[in-house]
Amino acid sequence: MKLALGPVLYYWDRDTMLGFYAAMADAPVDIVYMGETVCSRRHLLRLQDYLDMAERLVAAGKEVVISTQTLIESEYDVKTLRKIAENENFKVEANDMGAVRLLANKMPFVAGSTLNVYNPQTLDLLAGLGAMRWVVPVEMSQQALASIQDHRQPNIETEVLAYGRLPLAFSARCFTARRHNLQKDDCQFKCLDYADGLTLKTREGQPFLTLNGIQTQSALVHNLIGELDALQSTGVDVVRISPQAHHTGEILHLFRECMEQRLSSAQALSRLEGLMPAAPCNGYWYGKPGLDFIRNAQPAAAANPVAASNAL
């Protein structure tokens, strides 16, 4: 299996982003996704900045994929999408069907998880349009994935999010701005204050969701480092790590050591627990509520025993 780094989902300042991707040139990762996928108001980095960083990562031996915005809301968003689709140097991760339309039969592309592929017929359709890899929806179980894999065409790879907060939904409203009683068009870029998103808690004080601008994420951190053997046996070709504000490089090293069997999954999980911004979860992989964490294939108590966990 290959190891991939997903796009940064949060809003970090320009120097932090430049330093982060400079460090990734030496990280033990095969594929790097980059680009703004959440909000077009996050423009401390322009498309050309991403393309310049991508060139340096390619020179370091990485495969680079430029990711498109998930929710297109303006003509400016459409223009940026067209520029990404028309670039001649890098593959593109299509995160909405508008991007698929621009890329279809013109260049190989990655079908992002927000395209919501839940059956082999949809996967065949995307493969026929030029998809060379698809990213599994975050809530798909191993059993459901295995069913699709049995009918998957050999010319398309499968990628699974193996670590990071789960991106659950997008909205035209900005929840971070709303938290500060601001309008979306005058948000004062409050997302810069929350390097790993803003945790939303229940009335009982339990972490429930994470607000990331217009994106809603899980409060807990999806973690499949203990399921790498199962991922491989299910025919997964690529596992993705979603960046976080701290320790991303260390997390990539732990996954690489585990993938190369230089470290047991139990050891890796033990070390990871000290690097995570929140408790782990993996319930979706087992067809359970997303907030559950199941260790050694035996159901454990939910990491967050909130009745609303079934909403995930």
C-alpha atoms as a PDB file:
ATOM      1  CA  MET A   1       0.000   0.000   0.000  1.00  0.00           C
ATOM      2  CA  LYS A   2       0.988   3.622  -0.547  1.00  0.00           C
ATOM      3  CA  LEU A   3       0.843   6.345   2.076  1.00  0.00           C
ATOM      4  CA  ALA A   4      -0.876   9.625   1.175  1.00  0.00           C
ATOM      5  CA  LEU A   5      -1.147  12.994   2.900  1.00  0.00           C
ATOM      6  CA  GLY A   6      -4.517  14.651   2.386  1.00  0.00           C
ATOM      7  CA  PRO A   7      -5.003  18.396   1.825  1.00  0.00           C
ATOM      8  CA  VAL A   8      -4.827  20.704   4.837  1.00  0.00           C
ATOM      9  CA  LEU A   9      -8.466  21.221   5.842  1.00  0.00           C
ATOM     10  CA  TYR A  10      -7.846  24.081   8.274  1.00  0.00           C
ATOM     11  CA  TYR A  11      -6.836  27.716   7.784  1.00  0.00           C
ATOM     12  CA  TRP A  12      -3.199  28.183   8.728  1.00  0.00           C
ATOM     13  CA  ASP A  13      -1.162  31.308   8.142  1.00  0.00           C
ATOM     14  CA  ARG A  14       1.043  31.546   5.066  1.00  0.00           C
ATOM     15  CA  ASP A  15       4.388  30.897   6.791  1.00  0.00           C
ATOM     16  CA  THR A  16       2.988  27.860   8.594  1.00  0.00           C
ATOM     17  CA  MET A  17       1.705  26.375   5.342  1.00  0.00           C
ATOM     18  CA  LEU A  18       4.961  26.997   3.482  1.00  0.00           C
ATOM     19  CA  GLY A  19       6.969  25.466   6.319  1.00  0.00           C
ATOM     20  CA  PHE A  20       4.616  22.498   6.565  1.00  0.00           C
ATOM     21  CA  TYR A  21       4.964  21.534   2.909  1.00  0.00           C
ATOM     22  CA  ALA A  22       8.720  22.149   2.958  1.00  0.00           C
ATOM     23  CA  ALA A  23       8.931  19.592   5.781  1.00  0.00           C
ATOM     24  CA  MET A  24       6.774  17.128   3.816  1.00  0.00           C
ATOM     25  CA  ALA A  25       9.492  16.904   1.160  1.00  0.00           C
ATOM     26  CA  ASP A  26      11.420  14.699   3.614  1.00  0.00           C
ATOM     27  CA  ALA A  27       8.410  12.883   5.079  1.00  0.00           C
ATOM     28  CA  PRO A  28       7.883   9.136   4.400  1.00  0.00           C
ATOM     29  CA  VAL A  29       4.845   9.758   2.213  1.00  0.00           C
ATOM     30  CA  ASP A  30       4.233   8.698  -1.387  1.00  0.00           C
ATOM     31  CA  ILE A  31       1.390  11.012  -2.406  1.00  0.00           C
ATOM     32  CA  VAL A  32       0.660  14.590  -1.326  1.00  0.00           C
ATOM     33  CA  TYR A  33      -2.725  16.230  -1.913  1.00  0.00           C
ATOM     34  CA  MET A  34      -2.788  20.003  -1.679  1.00  0.00           C
ATOM     35  CA  GLY A  35      -5.163  22.878  -2.351  1.00  0.00           C
ATOM     36  CA  GLU A  36      -8.032  24.691  -0.638  1.00  0.00           C
ATOM     37  CA  THR A  37     -10.986  22.321  -0.379  1.00  0.00           C
ATOM     38  CA  VAL A  38     -13.140  24.083   2.235  1.00  0.00           C
ATOM     39  CA  CYS A  39     -13.570  27.854   1.733  1.00  0.00           C
ATOM     40  CA  SER A  40     -12.550  30.261  -1.036  1.00  0.00           C
ATOM     41  CA  ARG A  41     -12.178  33.095   1.501  1.00  0.00           C
ATOM     42  CA  ARG A  42      -9.043  31.345   2.695  1.00  0.00           C
ATOM     43  CA  HIS A  43      -6.650  32.979   0.264  1.00  0.00           C
ATOM     44  CA  LEU A  44      -3.382  33.549   2.107  1.00  0.00           C
ATOM     45  CA  LEU A  45      -2.119  31.023  -0.424  1.00  0.00           C
ATOM     46  CA  ARG A  46      -3.080  31.382  -4.073  1.00  0.00           C
ATOM     47  CA  LEU A  47      -3.291  28.581  -6.606  1.00  0.00           C
ATOM     48  CA  GLN A  48       0.124  29.521  -7.984  1.00  0.00           C
ATOM     49  CA  ASP A  49       1.628  29.103  -4.505  1.00  0.00           C
ATOM     50  CA  TYR A  50       0.315  25.547  -4.376  1.00  0.00           C
ATOM     51  CA  LEU A  51       1.647  24.829  -7.862  1.00  0.00           C
ATOM     52  CA  ASP A  52       5.081  26.159  -6.915  1.00  0.00           C
ATOM     53  CA  MET A  53       5.168  23.992  -3.776  1.00  0.00           C
ATOM     54  CA  ALA A  54       3.969  21.047  -5.828  1.00  0.00           C
ATOM     55  CA  GLU A  55       6.960  21.391  -8.153  1.00  0.00           C
ATOM     56  CA  ARG A  56       9.323  21.186  -5.190  1.00  0.00           C
ATOM     57  CA  LEU A  57       7.558  18.121  -3.819  1.00  0.00           C
ATOM     58  CA  VAL A  58       7.757  16.382  -7.192  1.00  0.00           C
ATOM     59  CA  ALA A  59      11.479  17.113  -7.227  1.00  0.00           C
ATOM     60  CA  ALA A  60      11.630  15.346  -3.841  1.00  0.00           C
ATOM     61  CA  GLY A  61      10.037  12.235  -5.363  1.00  0.00           C
ATOM     62  CA  LYS A  62       6.408  12.707  -4.308  1.00  0.00           C
ATOM     63  CA  GLU A  63       3.312  12.268  -6.429  1.00  0.00           C
ATOM     64  CA  VAL A  64       1.315  15.488  -6.109  1.00  0.00           C
ATOM     65  CA  VAL A  65      -2.442  15.861  -6.604  1.00  0.00           C
ATOM     66  CA  ILE A  66      -4.210  19.239  -6.593  1.00  0.00           C
ATOM     67  CA  SER A  67      -7.542  19.034  -4.738  1.00  0.00           C
ATOM     68  CA  THR A  68     -10.563  21.092  -5.770  1.00  0.00           C
ATOM     69  CA  GLN A  69     -12.991  22.963  -3.550  1.00  0.00           C
ATOM     70  CA  THR A  70     -15.910  20.833  -2.388  1.00  0.00           C
ATOM     71  CA  LEU A  71     -18.691  23.436  -2.369  1.00  0.00           C
ATOM     72  CA  ILE A  72     -18.613  25.822  -5.346  1.00  0.00           C
ATOM     73  CA  GLU A  73     -20.500  29.009  -4.499  1.00  0.00           C
ATOM     74  CA  SER A  74     -19.354  31.825  -6.811  1.00  0.00           C
ATOM     75  CA  GLU A  75     -17.981  32.675 -10.243  1.00  0.00           C
ATOM     76  CA  TYR A  76     -14.582  33.138  -8.606  1.00  0.00           C
ATOM     77  CA  ASP A  77     -14.765  29.536  -7.352  1.00  0.00           C
ATOM     78  CA  VAL A  78     -15.632  28.365 -10.858  1.00  0.00           C
ATOM     79  CA  LYS A  79     -12.684  30.254 -12.372  1.00  0.00           C
ATOM     80  CA  THR A  80     -10.305  28.701  -9.869  1.00  0.00           C
ATOM     81  CA  LEU A  81     -11.767  25.269 -10.574  1.00  0.00           C
ATOM     82  CA  ARG A  82     -11.205  25.745 -14.306  1.00  0.00           C
ATOM     83  CA  LYS A  83      -7.591  26.778 -13.739  1.00  0.00           C
ATOM     84  CA  ILE A  84      -6.974  23.641 -11.680  1.00  0.00           C
ATOM     85  CA  ALA A  85      -8.642  21.421 -14.281  1.00  0.00           C
ATOM     86  CA  GLU A  86      -6.606  22.989 -17.075  1.00  0.00           C
ATOM     87  CA  ASN A  87      -3.217  22.597 -15.388  1.00  0.00           C
ATOM     88  CA  GLU A  88      -1.022  20.271 -17.401  1.00  0.00           C
ATOM     89  CA  ASN A  89       1.448  19.143 -14.751  1.00  0.00           C
ATOM     90  CA  PHE A  90      -0.502  17.564 -11.892  1.00  0.00           C
ATOM     91  CA  LYS A  91      -3.350  15.159 -11.371  1.00  0.00           C
ATOM     92  CA  VAL A  92      -6.506  16.594  -9.827  1.00  0.00           C
ATOM     93  CA  GLU A  93      -8.745  15.345  -7.029  1.00  0.00           C
ATOM     94  CA  ALA A  94     -12.326  16.125  -8.093  1.00  0.00           C
ATOM     95  CA  ASN A  95     -14.448  16.888  -5.039  1.00  0.00           C
ATOM     96  CA  ASP A  96     -17.677  17.762  -6.842  1.00  0.00           C
ATOM     97  CA  MET A  97     -19.322  16.716 -10.107  1.00  0.00           C
ATOM     98  CA  GLY A  98     -18.535  20.078 -11.707  1.00  0.00           C
ATOM     99  CA  ALA A  99     -14.860  19.194 -11.434  1.00  0.00           C
ATOM    100  CA  VAL A 100     -15.572  15.744 -12.898  1.00  0.00           C
ATOM    101  CA  ARG A 101     -17.289  17.383 -15.876  1.00  0.00           C
ATOM    102  CA  LEU A 102     -14.247  19.585 -16.559  1.00  0.00           C
ATOM    103  CA  LEU A 103     -11.823  16.666 -16.236  1.00  0.00           C
ATOM    104  CA  ALA A 104     -13.822  13.885 -17.908  1.00  0.00           C
ATOM    105  CA  ASN A 105     -11.948  12.157 -20.725  1.00  0.00           C
ATOM    106  CA  LYS A 106      -9.287  14.879 -20.707  1.00  0.00           C
ATOM    107  CA  MET A 107      -6.908  13.719 -17.978  1.00  0.00           C
ATOM    108  CA  PRO A 108      -6.774  11.027 -15.279  1.00  0.00           C
ATOM    109  CA  PHE A 109      -8.227  12.255 -11.987  1.00  0.00           C
ATOM    110  CA  VAL A 110      -8.926  11.143  -8.414  1.00  0.00           C
ATOM    111  CA  ALA A 111     -12.588  10.843  -7.435  1.00  0.00           C
ATOM    112  CA  GLY A 112     -12.780  12.465  -3.992  1.00  0.00           C
ATOM    113  CA  SER A 113     -14.765  11.024  -1.102  1.00  0.00           C
ATOM    114  CA  THR A 114     -17.423  13.759  -1.364  1.00  0.00           C
ATOM    115  CA  LEU A 115     -18.544  12.329  -4.719  1.00  0.00           C
ATOM    116  CA  ASN A 116     -20.265   9.706  -2.549  1.00  0.00           C
ATOM    117  CA  VAL A 117     -19.513   6.485  -4.415  1.00  0.00           C
ATOM    118  CA  TYR A 118     -21.568   3.750  -2.763  1.00  0.00           C
ATOM    119  CA  ASN A 119     -21.901   1.114  -5.488  1.00  0.00           C
ATOM    120  CA  PRO A 120     -19.833  -0.448  -8.293  1.00  0.00           C
ATOM    121  CA  GLN A 121     -22.050   1.084 -10.990  1.00  0.00           C
ATOM    122  CA  THR A 122     -21.111   4.611  -9.914  1.00  0.00           C
ATOM    123  CA  LEU A 123     -17.466   3.606  -9.663  1.00  0.00           C
ATOM    124  CA  ASP A 124     -17.588   2.147 -13.182  1.00  0.00           C
ATOM    125  CA  LEU A 125     -19.109   5.395 -14.460  1.00  0.00           C
ATOM    126  CA  LEU A 126     -16.303   7.480 -12.951  1.00  0.00           C
ATOM    127  CA  ALA A 127     -13.654   5.050 -14.193  1.00  0.00           C
ATOM    128  CA  GLY A 128     -15.096   5.395 -17.684  1.00  0.00           C
ATOM    129  CA  LEU A 129     -14.719   9.175 -17.416  1.00  0.00           C
ATOM    130  CA  GLY A 130     -11.064   8.877 -16.480  1.00  0.00           C
ATOM    131  CA  ALA A 131     -10.897   8.312 -12.706  1.00  0.00           C
ATOM    132  CA  MET A 132      -7.678   6.484 -11.864  1.00  0.00           C
ATOM    133  CA  ARG A 133      -8.324   6.409  -8.105  1.00  0.00           C
ATOM    134  CA  TRP A 134     -11.351   6.803  -5.850  1.00  0.00           C
ATOM    135  CA  VAL A 135     -11.474   7.855  -2.219  1.00  0.00           C
ATOM    136  CA  VAL A 136     -13.939   5.858  -0.141  1.00  0.00           C
ATOM    137  CA  PRO A 137     -16.725   7.809   1.664  1.00  0.00           C
ATOM    138  CA  VAL A 138     -15.642   8.186   5.278  1.00  0.00           C
ATOM    139  CA  GLU A 139     -18.663   6.381   6.710  1.00  0.00           C
ATOM    140  CA  MET A 140     -18.284   3.229   4.580  1.00  0.00           C
ATOM    141  CA  SER A 141     -17.706  -0.009   6.468  1.00  0.00           C
ATOM    142  CA  GLN A 142     -15.211  -2.710   5.576  1.00  0.00           C
ATOM    143  CA  GLN A 143     -18.049  -5.013   4.582  1.00  0.00           C
ATOM    144  CA  ALA A 144     -19.575  -2.466   2.197  1.00  0.00           C
ATOM    145  CA  LEU A 145     -16.161  -1.657   0.743  1.00  0.00           C
ATOM    146  CA  ALA A 146     -15.374  -5.334   0.173  1.00  0.00           C
ATOM    147  CA  SER A 147     -18.596  -5.677  -1.815  1.00  0.00           C
ATOM    148  CA  ILE A 148     -17.567  -2.843  -4.139  1.00  0.00           C
ATOM    149  CA  GLN A 149     -14.009  -4.114  -4.373  1.00  0.00           C
ATOM    150  CA  ASP A 150     -15.266  -7.461  -5.678  1.00  0.00           C
ATOM    151  CA  HIS A 151     -16.587  -5.628  -8.771  1.00  0.00           C
ATOM    152  CA  ARG A 152     -13.926  -2.928  -9.109  1.00  0.00           C
ATOM    153  CA  GLN A 153     -12.208  -2.535 -12.451  1.00  0.00           C
ATOM    154  CA  PRO A 154      -8.457  -3.248 -12.331  1.00  0.00           C
ATOM    155  CA  ASN A 155      -7.522   0.190 -13.731  1.00  0.00           C
ATOM    156  CA  ILE A 156      -8.742   2.187 -10.716  1.00  0.00           C
ATOM    157  CA  GLU A 157      -7.103   2.356  -7.271  1.00  0.00           C
ATOM    158  CA  THR A 158      -8.886   2.530  -3.921  1.00  0.00           C
ATOM    159  CA  GLU A 159      -7.924   5.025  -1.208  1.00  0.00           C
ATOM    160  CA  VAL A 160      -9.196   5.119   2.380  1.00  0.00           C
ATOM    161  CA  LEU A 161      -8.906   7.836   5.029  1.00  0.00           C
ATOM    162  CA  ALA A 162      -6.972   6.096   7.797  1.00  0.00           C
ATOM    163  CA  TYR A 163      -6.283   8.973  10.171  1.00  0.00           C
ATOM    164  CA  GLY A 164      -7.814  12.361  10.929  1.00  0.00           C
ATOM    165  CA  ARG A 165     -11.039  14.037  11.923  1.00  0.00           C
ATOM    166  CA  LEU A 166     -13.887  12.880   9.718  1.00  0.00           C
ATOM    167  CA  PRO A 167     -15.263  15.512   7.297  1.00  0.00           C
ATOM    168  CA  LEU A 168     -18.996  14.989   7.718  1.00  0.00           C
ATOM    169  CA  ALA A 169     -20.823  17.837   5.981  1.00  0.00           C
ATOM    170  CA  PHE A 170     -20.530  21.195   4.213  1.00  0.00           C
ATOM    171  CA  SER A 171     -22.890  24.144   4.365  1.00  0.00           C
ATOM    172  CA  ALA A 172     -23.263  27.514   2.653  1.00  0.00           C
ATOM    173  CA  ARG A 173     -23.182  29.002   6.173  1.00  0.00           C
ATOM    174  CA  CYS A 174     -19.967  29.545   8.118  1.00  0.00           C
ATOM    175  CA  PHE A 175     -20.351  28.084  11.591  1.00  0.00           C
ATOM    176  CA  THR A 176     -17.088  29.540  12.886  1.00  0.00           C
ATOM    177  CA  ALA A 177     -18.203  33.060  11.933  1.00  0.00           C
ATOM    178  CA  ARG A 178     -21.612  32.402  13.488  1.00  0.00           C
ATOM    179  CA  ARG A 179     -19.898  31.394  16.732  1.00  0.00           C
ATOM    180  CA  HIS A 180     -18.464  34.946  16.871  1.00  0.00           C
ATOM    181  CA  ASN A 181     -21.726  36.611  15.790  1.00  0.00           C
ATOM    182  CA  LEU A 182     -20.223  37.559  12.433  1.00  0.00           C
ATOM    183  CA  GLN A 183     -21.600  37.331   8.914  1.00  0.00           C
ATOM    184  CA  LYS A 184     -19.875  34.922   6.552  1.00  0.00           C
ATOM    185  CA  ASP A 185     -18.805  37.749   4.207  1.00  0.00           C
ATOM    186  CA  ASP A 186     -17.275  39.585   7.177  1.00  0.00           C
ATOM    187  CA  CYS A 187     -15.898  36.619   9.082  1.00  0.00           C
ATOM    188  CA  GLN A 188     -12.642  38.381   9.988  1.00  0.00           C
ATOM    189  CA  PHE A 189     -10.995  35.075   9.100  1.00  0.00           C
ATOM    190  CA  LYS A 190     -11.700  33.640  12.533  1.00  0.00           C
ATOM    191  CA  CYS A 191     -10.708  30.172  11.315  1.00  0.00           C
ATOM    192  CA  LEU A 192      -7.093  31.322  11.737  1.00  0.00           C
ATOM    193  CA  ASP A 193      -7.672  31.143  15.506  1.00  0.00           C
ATOM    194  CA  TYR A 194      -8.457  27.417  15.413  1.00  0.00           C
ATOM    195  CA  ALA A 195      -5.572  25.433  13.950  1.00  0.00           C
ATOM    196  CA  ASP A 196      -7.430  22.133  14.455  1.00  0.00           C
ATOM    197  CA  GLY A 197     -10.975  23.469  14.272  1.00  0.00           C
ATOM    198  CA  LEU A 198     -13.380  24.582  16.999  1.00  0.00           C
ATOM    199  CA  THR A 199     -14.774  21.818  19.207  1.00  0.00           C
ATOM    200  CA  LEU A 200     -18.532  21.808  19.756  1.00  0.00           C
ATOM    201  CA  LYS A 201     -19.669  20.198  23.008  1.00  0.00           C
ATOM    202  CA  THR A 202     -22.983  18.901  24.269  1.00  0.00           C
ATOM    203  CA  ARG A 203     -24.716  20.436  27.293  1.00  0.00           C
ATOM    204  CA  GLU A 204     -23.044  17.711  29.337  1.00  0.00           C
ATOM    205  CA  GLY A 205     -19.644  18.982  28.195  1.00  0.00           C
ATOM    206  CA  GLN A 206     -18.873  16.037  25.915  1.00  0.00           C
ATOM    207  CA  PRO A 207     -17.045  16.722  22.607  1.00  0.00           C
ATOM    208  CA  PHE A 208     -19.533  16.139  19.789  1.00  0.00           C
ATOM    209  CA  LEU A 209     -18.449  17.852  16.556  1.00  0.00           C
ATOM    210  CA  THR A 210     -15.675  20.105  15.257  1.00  0.00           C
ATOM    211  CA  LEU A 211     -16.529  23.321  13.425  1.00  0.00           C
ATOM    212  CA  ASN A 212     -14.174  24.244  10.591  1.00  0.00           C
ATOM    213  CA  GLY A 213     -15.725  27.200   8.804  1.00  0.00           C
ATOM    214  CA  ILE A 214     -18.408  25.816   6.502  1.00  0.00           C
ATOM    215  CA  GLN A 215     -17.264  22.259   7.187  1.00  0.00           C
ATOM    216  CA  THR A 216     -18.486  20.065  10.042  1.00  0.00           C
ATOM    217  CA  GLN A 217     -16.093  17.381  11.275  1.00  0.00           C
ATOM    218  CA  SER A 218     -16.137  14.708  13.934  1.00  0.00           C
ATOM    219  CA  ALA A 219     -14.854  15.732  17.353  1.00  0.00           C
ATOM    220  CA  LEU A 220     -12.888  12.505  17.694  1.00  0.00           C
ATOM    221  CA  VAL A 221     -10.045  11.393  15.453  1.00  0.00           C
ATOM    222  CA  HIS A 222     -10.718   8.558  13.023  1.00  0.00           C
ATOM    223  CA  ASN A 223      -7.820   6.125  13.402  1.00  0.00           C
ATOM    224  CA  LEU A 224      -7.342   2.901  11.436  1.00  0.00           C
ATOM    225  CA  ILE A 225      -3.709   2.198  12.278  1.00  0.00           C
ATOM    226  CA  GLY A 226      -4.838  -1.027  13.914  1.00  0.00           C
ATOM    227  CA  GLU A 227      -6.688  -2.071  10.757  1.00  0.00           C
ATOM    228  CA  LEU A 228      -3.857  -1.862   8.196  1.00  0.00           C
ATOM    229  CA  ASP A 229      -3.844  -5.624   7.601  1.00  0.00           C
ATOM    230  CA  ALA A 230      -7.617  -5.563   7.066  1.00  0.00           C
ATOM    231  CA  LEU A 231      -7.272  -2.614   4.673  1.00  0.00           C
ATOM    232  CA  GLN A 232      -4.693  -4.486   2.645  1.00  0.00           C
ATOM    233  CA  SER A 233      -6.741  -7.670   2.574  1.00  0.00           C
ATOM    234  CA  THR A 234      -9.722  -5.648   1.332  1.00  0.00           C
ATOM    235  CA  GLY A 235      -7.653  -4.518  -1.640  1.00  0.00           C
ATOM    236  CA  VAL A 236      -6.991  -0.939  -0.551  1.00  0.00           C
ATOM    237  CA  ASP A 237      -4.121   0.615  -2.510  1.00  0.00           C
ATOM    238  CA  VAL A 238      -3.627   3.908  -0.642  1.00  0.00           C
ATOM    239  CA  VAL A 239      -4.175   4.998   2.975  1.00  0.00           C
ATOM    240  CA  ARG A 240      -4.609   8.716   3.651  1.00  0.00           C
ATOM    241  CA  ILE A 241      -3.506  10.759   6.647  1.00  0.00           C
ATOM    242  CA  SER A 242      -5.298  14.081   7.166  1.00  0.00           C
ATOM    243  CA  PRO A 243      -2.910  16.815   8.397  1.00  0.00           C
ATOM    244  CA  GLN A 244      -3.233  18.308  11.878  1.00  0.00           C
ATOM    245  CA  ALA A 245      -1.566  21.343  13.422  1.00  0.00           C
ATOM    246  CA  HIS A 246       1.102  19.357  15.277  1.00  0.00           C
ATOM    247  CA  HIS A 247       2.921  16.012  14.926  1.00  0.00           C
ATOM    248  CA  THR A 248       1.819  15.213  11.350  1.00  0.00           C
ATOM    249  CA  GLY A 249       5.358  14.147  10.433  1.00  0.00           C
ATOM    250  CA  GLU A 250       5.584  11.831  13.440  1.00  0.00           C
ATOM    251  CA  ILE A 251       2.211  10.303  12.580  1.00  0.00           C
ATOM    252  CA  LEU A 252       3.347   9.620   9.026  1.00  0.00           C
ATOM    253  CA  HIS A 253       6.465   7.890  10.371  1.00  0.00           C
ATOM    254  CA  LEU A 254       4.369   5.690  12.678  1.00  0.00           C
ATOM    255  CA  PHE A 255       2.094   4.624   9.828  1.00  0.00           C
ATOM    256  CA  ARG A 256       5.086   3.909   7.594  1.00  0.00           C
ATOM    257  CA  GLU A 257       6.788   1.804  10.274  1.00  0.00           C
ATOM    258  CA  CYS A 258       3.567  -0.105  10.864  1.00  0.00           C
ATOM    259  CA  MET A 259       2.981  -0.652   7.135  1.00  0.00           C
ATOM    260  CA  GLU A 260       6.516  -2.007   6.781  1.00  0.00           C
ATOM    261  CA  GLN A 261       5.982  -4.250   9.860  1.00  0.00           C
ATOM    262  CA  ARG A 262       8.774  -2.581  11.807  1.00  0.00           C
ATOM    263  CA  LEU A 263       6.257  -1.684  14.491  1.00  0.00           C
ATOM    264  CA  SER A 264       3.214  -3.558  15.743  1.00  0.00           C
ATOM    265  CA  SER A 265      -0.206  -1.940  15.470  1.00  0.00           C
ATOM    266  CA  ALA A 266      -0.543  -1.997  19.261  1.00  0.00           C
ATOM    267  CA  GLN A 267       2.758  -0.164  19.697  1.00  0.00           C
ATOM    268  CA  ALA A 268       1.852   2.338  16.988  1.00  0.00           C
ATOM    269  CA  LEU A 269      -1.548   3.016  18.519  1.00  0.00           C
ATOM    270  CA  SER A 270       0.000   3.536  21.947  1.00  0.00           C
ATOM    271  CA  ARG A 271       2.399   6.122  20.546  1.00  0.00           C
ATOM    272  CA  LEU A 272      -0.300   7.774  18.463  1.00  0.00           C
ATOM    273  CA  GLU A 273      -2.554   8.377  21.443  1.00  0.00           C
ATOM    274  CA  GLY A 274      -0.055  10.935  22.760  1.00  0.00           C
ATOM    275  CA  LEU A 275       0.011  12.782  19.421  1.00  0.00           C
ATOM    276  CA  MET A 276      -3.720  13.070  18.759  1.00  0.00           C
ATOM    277  CA  PRO A 277      -5.733  16.247  19.461  1.00  0.00           C
ATOM    278  CA  ALA A 278      -8.661  14.125  20.676  1.00  0.00           C
ATOM    279  CA  ALA A 279      -9.581  10.523  21.470  1.00  0.00           C
ATOM    280  CA  PRO A 280      -9.685   7.932  18.648  1.00  0.00           C
ATOM    281  CA  CYS A 281     -12.689   6.438  16.899  1.00  0.00           C
ATOM    282  CA  ASN A 282     -13.121   3.817  14.170  1.00  0.00           C
ATOM    283  CA  GLY A 283     -16.746   2.702  14.458  1.00  0.00           C
ATOM    284  CA  TYR A 284     -17.667   3.280  10.827  1.00  0.00           C
ATOM    285  CA  TRP A 285     -15.114   0.698   9.681  1.00  0.00           C
ATOM    286  CA  TYR A 286     -17.033  -1.912  11.682  1.00  0.00           C
ATOM    287  CA  GLY A 287     -20.482  -0.710  10.654  1.00  0.00           C
ATOM    288  CA  LYS A 288     -21.013   0.860  14.093  1.00  0.00           C
ATOM    289  CA  PRO A 289     -21.704   4.466  15.195  1.00  0.00           C
ATOM    290  CA  GLY A 290     -18.800   6.612  14.075  1.00  0.00           C
ATOM    291  CA  LEU A 291     -17.889   7.692  17.618  1.00  0.00           C
ATOM    292  CA  ASP A 292     -17.207   4.136  18.769  1.00  0.00           C
ATOM    293  CA  PHE A 293     -13.651   2.904  19.139  1.00  0.00           C
ATOM    294  CA  ILE A 294     -13.195  -0.824  18.669  1.00  0.00           C
ATOM    295  CA  ARG A 295      -9.888  -2.343  19.734  1.00  0.00           C
ATOM    296  CA  ASN A 296      -8.770  -5.790  18.581  1.00  0.00           C
ATOM    297  CA  ALA A 297     -12.059  -6.312  16.721  1.00  0.00           C
ATOM    298  CA  GLN A 298     -13.961  -6.400  20.014  1.00  0.00           C
ATOM    299  CA  PRO A 299     -16.547  -3.646  20.609  1.00  0.00           C
ATOM    300  CA  ALA A 300     -15.372  -1.331  23.346  1.00  0.00           C
ATOM    301  CA  ALA A 301     -17.323   1.363  25.119  1.00  0.00           C
ATOM    302  CA  ALA A 302     -17.940   4.339  22.896  1.00  0.00           C
ATOM    303  CA  ALA A 303     -15.220   6.937  23.293  1.00  0.00           C
ATOM    304  CA  ASN A 304     -17.973   9.507  23.740  1.00  0.00           C
ATOM    305  CA  PRO A 305     -21.093   7.995  25.317  1.00  0.00           C
ATOM    306  CA  VAL A 306     -23.505  10.595  23.988  1.00  0.00           C
ATOM    307  CA  ALA A 307     -26.917   9.470  22.838  1.00  0.00           C
ATOM    308  CA  ALA A 308     -26.483  11.653  19.772  1.00  0.00           C
ATOM    309  CA  SER A 309     -23.523   9.530  18.646  1.00  0.00           C
ATOM    310  CA  ASN A 310     -25.851   7.673  16.333  1.00  0.00           C
ATOM    311  CA  ALA A 311     -26.135  10.883  14.344  1.00  0.00           C
ATOM    312  CA  LEU A 312     -22.638  10.218  13.094  1.00  0.00           C
END
